[in-house]
């Protein structure tokens, strides 16, 4: 971080097995793109991680200009 306060935030999300994975991805990306602290570049990403014990597990990755704001 030498002089650069930018960083990545990673959020785990679990949804019902009944959920449409493409819709989940689209909604998560829309939320990230509309959030004022998430930078437009690099673009936010959503990854399907696994079929969990009772849910579909996703991970949302976004980038912040100042990682100090990510804990507020």
Protein backbone atom coordinates (compact mmCIF):
# COMPACT_ATOMS: atom_id res chain seq x y z
CA UNK A 1 0.00 0.00 0.00
CA UNK A 2 2.99 2.34 -0.13
CA UNK A 3 1.18 5.60 -0.84
CA UNK A 4 -1.78 3.86 -2.45
CA UNK A 5 -4.91 3.44 -0.38
CA UNK A 6 -6.85 1.50 -3.00
CA UNK A 7 -7.77 -2.08 -2.30
CA UNK A 8 -10.15 -4.93 -2.83
CA UNK A 9 -13.22 -5.93 -0.88
CA UNK A 10 -14.49 -9.51 -1.03
CA UNK A 11 -18.00 -10.39 0.10
CA UNK A 12 -19.34 -13.93 0.45
CA UNK A 13 -23.00 -14.39 -0.47
CA UNK A 14 -25.09 -17.54 -0.13
CA UNK A 15 -28.47 -17.96 -1.81
CA UNK A 16 -31.11 -20.64 -1.96
CA UNK A 17 -30.68 -23.55 -4.33
CA UNK A 18 -33.90 -22.32 -5.94
CA UNK A 19 -32.28 -19.03 -7.00
CA UNK A 20 -31.39 -18.39 -10.64
CA UNK A 21 -27.56 -18.11 -10.66
CA UNK A 22 -27.52 -15.69 -13.61
CA UNK A 23 -30.03 -13.43 -11.86
CA UNK A 24 -27.95 -13.56 -8.66
CA UNK A 25 -24.86 -12.52 -10.64
CA UNK A 26 -26.73 -9.70 -12.38
CA UNK A 27 -28.20 -8.32 -9.14
CA UNK A 28 -24.88 -8.45 -7.31
CA UNK A 29 -23.07 -6.69 -10.15
CA UNK A 30 -25.78 -4.02 -10.33
CA UNK A 31 -25.50 -3.40 -6.59
CA UNK A 32 -21.72 -3.11 -6.80
CA UNK A 33 -21.81 -0.80 -9.82
CA UNK A 34 -24.32 1.50 -8.13
CA UNK A 35 -22.47 1.66 -4.82
CA UNK A 36 -20.67 5.02 -4.48
CA UNK A 37 -17.50 3.55 -2.93
CA UNK A 38 -16.91 0.83 -5.53
CA UNK A 39 -14.63 1.97 -8.34
CA UNK A 40 -15.77 1.38 -11.93
CA UNK A 41 -12.29 0.13 -12.88
CA UNK A 42 -11.28 -2.53 -12.28
CA UNK A 43 -14.84 -3.67 -12.75
CA UNK A 44 -16.55 -5.58 -9.95
CA UNK A 45 -16.74 -9.34 -10.47
CA UNK A 46 -18.98 -12.13 -9.21
CA UNK A 47 -17.81 -15.71 -8.94
CA UNK A 48 -19.78 -18.88 -8.26
CA UNK A 49 -17.74 -20.64 -5.59
CA UNK A 50 -19.53 -23.89 -4.81
CA UNK A 51 -22.65 -25.83 -4.05
CA UNK A 52 -22.65 -25.34 -0.28
CA UNK A 53 -24.28 -27.61 2.26
CA UNK A 54 -27.56 -25.71 2.02
CA UNK A 55 -27.01 -22.91 -0.51
CA UNK A 56 -25.25 -21.72 -3.65
CA UNK A 57 -22.14 -19.80 -2.61
CA UNK A 58 -20.96 -16.73 -4.54
CA UNK A 59 -18.23 -14.15 -4.01
CA UNK A 60 -18.51 -10.49 -4.98
CA UNK A 61 -15.22 -8.68 -5.56
CA UNK A 62 -15.06 -4.90 -5.80
CA UNK A 63 -12.32 -2.29 -5.60
CA UNK A 64 -12.27 0.73 -3.32
CA UNK A 65 -10.30 3.95 -3.82
CA UNK A 66 -9.63 3.98 -0.08
CA UNK A 67 -9.73 0.68 1.79
CA UNK A 68 -10.20 2.60 5.04
CA UNK A 69 -13.75 3.40 3.95
CA UNK A 70 -14.56 -0.28 3.47
CA UNK A 71 -14.94 -0.85 7.20
CA UNK A 72 -17.43 1.99 7.73
